[in-house]
């Protein structure tokens, strides 16, 4: 398994944040199916204020960049991602053009501690 930590902000709007949470209580089945089909096995998101953190696990042979391109081949996944970006998400100031989720550096893993 490979793992990733990614982050971005949600828009500074309590109603939008509440709506974002509601969407994620009922993620569209096509989106979840498409994520699994490209090798993404687990996604967990955490929210503090408006800072969102996503933990993701993939198959060992998954190339995340290619997987995300294949994921967006599904029109429903593209619709979901467009909705999330337009209505709820906000790039961080140090994001590169076109980059939404910023990768985070792994620092500690209890599983592999001495």
Protein backbone atom coordinates (compact mmCIF):
# COMPACT_ATOMS: atom_id res chain seq x y z
CA UNK A 1 0.00 0.00 0.00
CA UNK A 2 1.11 3.55 -0.77
CA UNK A 3 -0.19 6.42 1.32
CA UNK A 4 -0.58 10.15 0.81
CA UNK A 5 -1.45 13.20 2.89
CA UNK A 6 -2.97 16.13 1.01
CA UNK A 7 -4.42 19.46 2.08
CA UNK A 8 -6.41 22.46 0.89
CA UNK A 9 -8.83 25.00 2.34
CA UNK A 10 -12.56 25.15 2.13
CA UNK A 11 -14.10 28.53 1.38
CA UNK A 12 -14.55 30.69 4.45
CA UNK A 13 -18.32 30.25 4.55
CA UNK A 14 -19.97 28.23 7.35
CA UNK A 15 -22.97 27.36 5.16
CA UNK A 16 -20.72 26.11 2.35
CA UNK A 17 -18.70 24.04 4.84
CA UNK A 18 -21.89 22.50 6.22
CA UNK A 19 -23.02 21.70 2.68
CA UNK A 20 -19.61 20.19 1.85
CA UNK A 21 -19.92 17.88 4.86
CA UNK A 22 -23.43 16.90 3.77
CA UNK A 23 -22.25 16.01 0.27
CA UNK A 24 -19.58 13.79 1.81
CA UNK A 25 -22.14 11.94 3.92
CA UNK A 26 -23.70 10.85 0.61
CA UNK A 27 -20.86 10.66 -1.93
CA UNK A 28 -22.18 9.70 -5.34
CA UNK A 29 -21.78 5.94 -5.90
CA UNK A 30 -20.22 6.51 -9.34
CA UNK A 31 -17.49 8.60 -7.73
CA UNK A 32 -16.66 5.92 -5.16
CA UNK A 33 -16.71 3.21 -7.83
CA UNK A 34 -14.37 5.21 -10.08
CA UNK A 35 -11.94 5.85 -7.21
CA UNK A 36 -11.75 2.13 -6.44
CA UNK A 37 -11.35 1.22 -10.12
CA UNK A 38 -8.19 3.31 -10.43
CA UNK A 39 -6.52 1.74 -7.38
CA UNK A 40 -7.50 4.08 -4.56
CA UNK A 41 -8.41 1.92 -1.59
CA UNK A 42 -9.01 4.32 1.27
CA UNK A 43 -9.70 8.01 1.65
CA UNK A 44 -10.24 9.73 4.96
CA UNK A 45 -10.75 13.46 5.30
CA UNK A 46 -10.40 15.62 8.39
CA UNK A 47 -11.45 19.22 8.90
CA UNK A 48 -10.09 21.86 11.26
CA UNK A 49 -11.76 25.22 10.80
CA UNK A 50 -11.63 25.42 7.04
CA UNK A 51 -8.38 23.47 6.53
CA UNK A 52 -9.09 20.08 5.02
CA UNK A 53 -6.66 17.16 5.30
CA UNK A 54 -7.05 14.03 3.19
CA UNK A 55 -5.35 10.72 3.92
CA UNK A 56 -5.33 8.36 0.95
CA UNK A 57 -4.11 4.79 0.45
CA UNK A 58 -3.56 3.22 -2.97
CA UNK A 59 -2.44 -0.10 -4.37
CA UNK A 60 1.35 -0.48 -4.53
CA UNK A 61 1.33 -0.37 -8.33
CA UNK A 62 -0.87 2.74 -8.49
CA UNK A 63 0.67 5.82 -10.13
CA UNK A 64 -1.44 8.50 -8.47
CA UNK A 65 -1.12 11.08 -11.25
CA UNK A 66 -2.24 8.58 -13.89
CA UNK A 67 -4.95 7.20 -11.61
CA UNK A 68 -6.46 10.64 -11.12
CA UNK A 69 -6.53 11.25 -14.87
CA UNK A 70 -8.32 7.90 -15.34
CA UNK A 71 -10.68 8.75 -12.47
CA UNK A 72 -11.72 11.91 -14.31
CA UNK A 73 -12.54 9.87 -17.42
CA UNK A 74 -15.80 9.13 -15.62
CA UNK A 75 -18.17 12.04 -16.39
CA UNK A 76 -19.84 11.74 -13.00
CA UNK A 77 -16.45 11.97 -11.23
CA UNK A 78 -15.64 15.08 -13.27
CA UNK A 79 -19.01 16.57 -12.34
CA UNK A 80 -18.32 15.84 -8.64
CA UNK A 81 -14.82 17.36 -8.74
CA UNK A 82 -16.03 20.46 -10.58
CA UNK A 83 -18.81 20.93 -8.02
CA UNK A 84 -16.40 20.56 -5.08
CA UNK A 85 -13.89 23.02 -6.56
CA UNK A 86 -16.40 25.64 -7.69
CA UNK A 87 -18.64 25.69 -4.62
CA UNK A 88 -16.49 24.65 -1.70
CA UNK A 89 -12.74 24.34 -2.14
CA UNK A 90 -10.02 26.96 -2.19
CA UNK A 91 -6.43 26.47 -3.23
CA UNK A 92 -3.71 27.28 -0.74
CA UNK A 93 -1.56 30.37 -1.42
CA UNK A 94 1.51 28.28 -2.33
CA UNK A 95 -0.36 26.12 -4.86
CA UNK A 96 1.00 25.97 -8.38
CA UNK A 97 -1.33 26.90 -11.27
CA UNK A 98 -3.97 24.20 -11.66
CA UNK A 99 -2.96 22.46 -8.41
CA UNK A 100 -5.67 21.98 -5.80
CA UNK A 101 -4.65 19.43 -3.22
CA UNK A 102 -1.10 20.04 -1.98
CA UNK A 103 0.95 16.99 -1.02
CA UNK A 104 2.24 16.82 2.53
CA UNK A 105 5.54 15.31 3.63
CA UNK A 106 5.30 12.16 5.76
CA UNK A 107 7.04 12.84 9.07
CA UNK A 108 6.19 9.98 11.44
CA UNK A 109 4.59 6.54 11.24
CA UNK A 110 3.93 4.65 14.47
CA UNK A 111 3.68 1.41 12.51
CA UNK A 112 7.34 1.70 11.54
CA UNK A 113 8.71 3.19 14.77
CA UNK A 114 11.58 1.32 16.46
